[in-house]
Amino acid sequence: MPRPRTDTEPETPKVLEKALRVLEAFGSTTPVWSETELRRELGIPSTTLNRILRSLERFGYLLRSDDGRYQLGAAAVRLGNRANGSLNLVTALDSRLRAVARETDELAMLAVPEFPAGLARYVGAADSSSRLRVTAEIGTAVPITAGATAKVMFAFQPDERIDAVLQAPLKRLAAGTLTDPAAIRDQVQLIRQRGWGFSWEETYHGAWAVAAPLIDADTQMAFAAIGVASPTIRHSAEFEDKVRQIVLDAAADALHTLGYRSQPDAGHAVGAR
């Protein structure tokens, strides 16, 4: 029987923590570092950093080029591939999604983007207990520009990807669906500034929604989103504020659960003009 987790923030051995910080420094925007650059960036003493780099190189997690600069090695790539193969996003976030549904007593949704089809697909959902409620069928796909849960993922994509989607005809799903590319671009900028999205009858008649993106801090792109949808009859400014905070907290918790670093500031997201 596994030992229960009694401390959500266990004390990490200092050398291990420094080694993890070194590995975390290697991302899509900074894939190559010199030892001097790493020391300046991370503030790790030179002797300690040198030992960490040599150990990571010896076990294949870092590769040192002839000019002395480092990049991720084959062992790190294999570890990442194993993690991708074993991680089921829906399973990992199911309890978080059900908690959102309980806290709001509204439909909670998990969606992922599908490019270049320009779609958002609902891959997880937890229903409200209310008799009058919004429902979403798992597996349903909607345009990536329609509804809060889709739009927050669309907003945090490279501009060229956004441009490509907006060049195609946009389908109207409900009374509030945005089909004007200029209006959608305004929404993209607003979502980037706020870090969350709102919609009113964009995908379903009689429903409003709030959503937050899950952003990979390395690529600065949204790879999923958590949203809450509610009947318009239950909307109020106070309830919207409550739902928004629950959704934002859920997105932050989801990133922590998945092992991602903190999200970047909304205005610094990829593609922000």
Protein backbone atom coordinates (compact mmCIF):
# COMPACT_ATOMS: atom_id res chain seq x y z
CA MET A 1 0.00 0.00 0.00
CA PRO A 2 1.54 3.34 -1.03
CA ARG A 3 2.42 5.80 1.69
CA PRO A 4 -0.10 8.68 1.83
CA ARG A 5 1.06 12.12 0.77
CA THR A 6 1.04 14.24 3.91
CA ASP A 7 2.91 17.26 2.58
CA THR A 8 1.94 18.94 -0.70
CA GLU A 9 5.20 20.92 -0.69
CA PRO A 10 7.89 18.44 0.33
CA GLU A 11 11.37 19.69 1.13
CA THR A 12 13.45 19.13 -1.98
CA PRO A 13 17.18 18.38 -1.56
CA LYS A 14 18.97 21.54 -2.58
CA VAL A 15 21.21 19.94 -5.22
CA LEU A 16 18.25 18.15 -6.80
CA GLU A 17 16.30 21.39 -6.86
CA LYS A 18 19.18 23.15 -8.60
CA ALA A 19 19.51 20.32 -11.12
CA LEU A 20 15.80 20.55 -11.94
CA ARG A 21 16.13 24.29 -12.38
CA VAL A 22 18.95 23.69 -14.84
CA LEU A 23 16.80 21.30 -16.90
CA GLU A 24 13.82 23.68 -16.76
CA ALA A 25 15.98 26.40 -18.33
CA PHE A 26 16.12 24.50 -21.61
CA GLY A 27 13.00 25.43 -23.57
CA SER A 28 11.89 26.21 -27.10
CA THR A 29 12.97 29.86 -26.76
CA THR A 30 16.32 29.05 -25.11
CA PRO A 31 17.35 25.56 -26.25
CA VAL A 32 21.11 26.18 -25.92
CA TRP A 33 23.06 27.60 -22.97
CA SER A 34 26.67 28.14 -22.06
CA GLU A 35 27.75 27.46 -18.48
CA THR A 36 28.34 31.18 -17.94
CA GLU A 37 24.87 32.06 -19.22
CA LEU A 38 23.25 29.47 -16.96
CA ARG A 39 25.16 30.73 -13.93
CA ARG A 40 23.98 34.29 -14.59
CA GLU A 41 20.40 33.23 -15.30
CA LEU A 42 19.97 30.84 -12.37
CA GLY A 43 22.34 32.29 -9.79
CA ILE A 44 23.82 28.87 -8.99
CA PRO A 45 27.42 28.93 -7.69
CA SER A 46 29.98 28.05 -10.36
CA THR A 47 31.34 24.93 -8.63
CA THR A 48 27.86 23.53 -7.95
CA LEU A 49 26.64 24.29 -11.45
CA ASN A 50 29.68 22.63 -13.01
CA ARG A 51 29.07 19.43 -11.03
CA ILE A 52 25.40 19.42 -12.01
CA LEU A 53 26.18 19.94 -15.69
CA ARG A 54 28.78 17.17 -15.74
CA SER A 55 26.38 14.76 -14.03
CA LEU A 56 23.52 15.55 -16.39
CA GLU A 57 25.87 15.17 -19.34
CA ARG A 58 27.18 11.84 -18.04
CA PHE A 59 23.65 10.42 -17.79
CA GLY A 60 22.65 11.74 -21.22
CA TYR A 61 20.23 14.44 -20.09
CA LEU A 62 22.46 17.16 -21.54
CA LEU A 63 24.65 17.18 -24.61
CA ARG A 64 27.79 19.37 -24.69
CA SER A 65 28.92 20.65 -28.09
CA ASP A 66 32.49 21.36 -29.16
CA ASP A 67 32.11 25.04 -28.29
CA GLY A 68 31.16 24.11 -24.70
CA ARG A 69 27.48 24.98 -24.96
CA TYR A 70 24.76 22.65 -23.69
CA GLN A 71 21.45 21.41 -25.06
CA LEU A 72 19.04 18.67 -24.01
CA GLY A 73 20.34 15.18 -24.65
CA ALA A 74 18.75 11.92 -25.78
CA ALA A 75 17.86 10.83 -22.23
CA ALA A 76 15.77 13.99 -21.72
CA VAL A 77 14.03 13.43 -25.06
CA ARG A 78 13.24 9.81 -24.18
CA LEU A 79 11.90 10.87 -20.79
CA GLY A 80 9.66 13.48 -22.42
CA ASN A 81 8.36 10.96 -24.95
CA ARG A 82 7.54 8.48 -22.17
CA ALA A 83 5.71 11.21 -20.26
CA ASN A 84 3.67 12.18 -23.33
CA GLY A 85 2.79 8.56 -23.96
CA SER A 86 1.65 7.89 -20.41
CA LEU A 87 -0.14 11.16 -19.63
CA ASN A 88 -3.88 11.15 -20.18
CA LEU A 89 -5.01 14.75 -19.89
CA VAL A 90 -8.62 13.89 -19.10
CA THR A 91 -7.74 11.36 -16.41
CA ALA A 92 -5.16 13.68 -14.84
CA LEU A 93 -7.63 16.57 -14.58
CA ASP A 94 -10.87 14.69 -13.92
CA SER A 95 -10.95 15.40 -10.18
CA ARG A 96 -10.18 19.09 -10.77
CA LEU A 97 -12.98 19.31 -13.33
CA ARG A 98 -15.49 17.67 -10.99
CA ALA A 99 -14.43 20.06 -8.23
CA VAL A 100 -15.17 23.04 -10.50
CA ALA A 101 -18.62 21.62 -11.24
CA ARG A 102 -19.29 21.20 -7.50
CA GLU A 103 -18.05 24.67 -6.59
CA THR A 104 -20.11 26.40 -9.27
CA ASP A 105 -22.95 23.85 -9.62
CA GLU A 106 -22.64 24.43 -13.36
CA LEU A 107 -21.25 22.52 -16.32
CA ALA A 108 -17.44 22.33 -16.22
CA MET A 109 -15.64 21.56 -19.49
CA LEU A 110 -12.16 20.59 -20.62
CA ALA A 111 -11.29 21.27 -24.25
CA VAL A 112 -8.27 20.93 -26.52
CA PRO A 113 -7.50 22.73 -29.80
CA GLU A 114 -7.35 20.91 -33.12
CA PHE A 115 -5.31 22.69 -35.76
CA PRO A 116 -5.26 23.15 -38.74
CA ALA A 117 -8.96 22.17 -38.73
CA GLY A 118 -9.68 25.27 -36.64
CA LEU A 119 -11.68 23.38 -34.03
CA ALA A 120 -11.95 23.03 -30.27
CA ARG A 121 -12.99 19.61 -29.01
CA TYR A 122 -14.60 18.92 -25.64
CA VAL A 123 -12.68 16.01 -24.12
CA GLY A 124 -13.97 16.19 -20.56
CA ALA A 125 -17.07 17.41 -18.76
CA ALA A 126 -18.70 17.40 -15.32
CA ASP A 127 -22.40 18.23 -15.14
CA SER A 128 -24.37 20.58 -12.94
CA SER A 129 -26.86 19.09 -10.48
CA SER A 130 -29.50 21.67 -11.45
CA ARG A 131 -32.54 20.62 -13.45
CA LEU A 132 -32.07 23.64 -15.72
CA ARG A 133 -28.53 23.28 -16.96
CA VAL A 134 -26.21 23.49 -19.93
CA THR A 135 -24.88 20.19 -21.26
CA ALA A 136 -21.97 19.32 -23.53
CA GLU A 137 -21.36 15.97 -25.17
CA ILE A 138 -17.78 14.73 -24.87
CA GLY A 139 -16.22 14.52 -28.31
CA THR A 140 -18.20 17.43 -29.71
CA ALA A 141 -16.14 19.90 -31.74
CA VAL A 142 -16.93 23.58 -32.24
CA PRO A 143 -15.13 26.30 -34.21
CA ILE A 144 -12.06 27.46 -32.33
CA THR A 145 -13.42 31.03 -32.51
CA ALA A 146 -16.79 30.25 -30.90
CA GLY A 147 -17.41 30.26 -27.15
CA ALA A 148 -15.21 31.16 -24.21
CA THR A 149 -13.58 27.74 -23.85
CA ALA A 150 -12.56 27.69 -27.51
CA LYS A 151 -11.58 31.35 -27.77
CA VAL A 152 -9.15 31.30 -24.85
CA MET A 153 -7.17 28.62 -26.66
CA PHE A 154 -7.42 30.48 -29.97
CA ALA A 155 -6.16 33.72 -28.41
CA PHE A 156 -2.95 32.11 -27.17
CA GLN A 157 -1.70 30.89 -30.53
CA PRO A 158 0.84 32.40 -32.94
CA ASP A 159 -0.54 35.23 -35.07
CA GLU A 160 0.04 33.28 -38.28
CA ARG A 161 -2.20 30.49 -36.98
CA ILE A 162 -4.88 32.99 -36.02
CA ASP A 163 -4.64 34.61 -39.45
CA ALA A 164 -5.06 31.25 -41.18
CA VAL A 165 -8.23 30.43 -39.23
CA LEU A 166 -9.78 33.84 -39.85
CA GLN A 167 -9.25 33.53 -43.61
CA ALA A 168 -11.78 30.69 -43.75
CA PRO A 169 -15.58 31.24 -43.58
CA LEU A 170 -16.82 31.38 -39.98
CA LYS A 171 -19.93 29.38 -39.04
CA ARG A 172 -22.70 30.83 -36.86
CA LEU A 173 -23.81 28.43 -34.11
CA ALA A 174 -26.07 30.64 -31.99
CA ALA A 175 -27.29 34.23 -31.69
CA GLY A 176 -24.04 35.52 -30.23
CA THR A 177 -21.53 33.69 -32.45
CA LEU A 178 -18.88 36.10 -33.75
CA THR A 179 -18.31 35.79 -37.50
CA ASP A 180 -16.60 39.12 -38.18
CA PRO A 181 -12.80 38.60 -38.23
CA ALA A 182 -12.22 42.13 -36.92
CA ALA A 183 -14.48 41.52 -33.92
CA ILE A 184 -12.74 38.22 -33.22
CA ARG A 185 -9.34 39.91 -33.36
CA ASP A 186 -10.59 42.42 -30.78
CA GLN A 187 -11.63 39.49 -28.59
CA VAL A 188 -8.20 37.90 -29.01
CA GLN A 189 -6.49 41.05 -27.79
CA LEU A 190 -8.88 41.38 -24.85
CA ILE A 191 -8.37 37.74 -23.80
CA ARG A 192 -4.60 38.12 -24.02
CA GLN A 193 -4.75 41.17 -21.77
CA ARG A 194 -7.08 39.56 -19.22
CA GLY A 195 -5.92 35.96 -19.33
CA TRP A 196 -9.50 34.65 -19.46
CA GLY A 197 -12.47 34.63 -21.83
CA PHE A 198 -16.20 35.27 -21.67
CA SER A 199 -19.00 34.44 -24.11
CA TRP A 200 -22.74 35.00 -24.32
CA GLU A 201 -24.82 32.65 -26.45
CA GLU A 202 -21.92 31.97 -28.82
CA THR A 203 -22.24 28.19 -29.01
CA TYR A 204 -25.59 27.50 -27.30
CA HIS A 205 -28.78 29.55 -27.16
CA GLY A 206 -29.49 30.62 -23.60
CA ALA A 207 -25.97 29.96 -22.25
CA TRP A 208 -23.00 32.04 -21.14
CA ALA A 209 -19.51 30.84 -20.28
CA VAL A 210 -16.20 31.78 -18.69
CA ALA A 211 -12.94 29.96 -19.45
CA ALA A 212 -9.20 30.06 -18.74
CA PRO A 213 -6.40 28.64 -20.90
CA LEU A 214 -3.73 26.13 -19.94
CA ILE A 215 -0.57 27.66 -21.36
CA ASP A 216 2.76 25.94 -21.84
CA ALA A 217 5.29 28.45 -20.49
CA ASP A 218 7.92 27.25 -22.96
CA THR A 219 5.90 27.60 -26.17
CA GLN A 220 3.58 30.22 -24.62
CA MET A 221 0.70 28.54 -26.43
CA ALA A 222 -2.55 27.18 -25.00
CA PHE A 223 -2.80 23.39 -25.19
CA ALA A 224 -6.15 23.08 -23.37
CA ALA A 225 -8.77 25.14 -21.55
CA ILE A 226 -11.12 24.78 -18.61
CA GLY A 227 -14.49 26.47 -18.90
CA VAL A 228 -17.80 26.76 -17.07
CA ALA A 229 -21.13 27.20 -18.90
CA SER A 230 -24.37 28.30 -17.26
CA PRO A 231 -27.92 29.22 -18.36
CA THR A 232 -28.29 32.95 -19.01
CA ILE A 233 -31.14 33.04 -16.52
CA ARG A 234 -28.60 32.41 -13.72
CA HIS A 235 -26.18 35.13 -14.79
CA SER A 236 -25.26 38.03 -12.51
CA ALA A 237 -22.12 40.13 -12.16
CA GLU A 238 -21.43 38.61 -8.74
CA PHE A 239 -21.86 35.04 -9.96
CA GLU A 240 -19.74 35.71 -13.03
CA ASP A 241 -16.93 37.03 -10.80
CA LYS A 242 -17.17 33.93 -8.59
CA VAL A 243 -17.09 31.54 -11.56
CA ARG A 244 -14.20 33.37 -13.17
CA GLN A 245 -12.03 33.07 -10.06
CA ILE A 246 -12.86 29.37 -9.69
CA VAL A 247 -11.94 28.77 -13.32
CA LEU A 248 -8.68 30.71 -13.07
CA ASP A 249 -7.71 28.82 -9.91
CA ALA A 250 -8.60 25.52 -11.60
CA ALA A 251 -6.39 26.32 -14.58
CA ALA A 252 -3.46 27.16 -12.29
CA ASP A 253 -4.01 23.95 -10.32
CA ALA A 254 -4.22 21.95 -13.55
CA LEU A 255 -0.86 23.27 -14.74
CA HIS A 256 0.65 22.35 -11.37
CA THR A 257 -0.87 18.86 -11.56
CA LEU A 258 0.53 18.37 -15.06
CA GLY A 259 3.98 19.56 -14.00
CA TYR A 260 4.04 22.73 -16.07
CA ARG A 261 5.72 25.91 -15.00
CA SER A 262 3.65 28.96 -14.13
CA GLN A 263 1.78 30.60 -16.96
CA PRO A 264 3.35 33.68 -18.51
CA ASP A 265 1.72 37.07 -18.19
CA ALA A 266 -1.17 37.30 -20.63
CA GLY A 267 0.34 40.24 -22.46
CA HIS A 268 3.57 38.31 -23.05
CA ALA A 269 1.89 35.33 -24.69
CA VAL A 270 3.04 34.12 -28.05
CA GLY A 271 1.87 36.24 -30.92
CA ALA A 272 0.91 39.23 -28.78
CA ARG A 273 1.18 42.28 -30.98
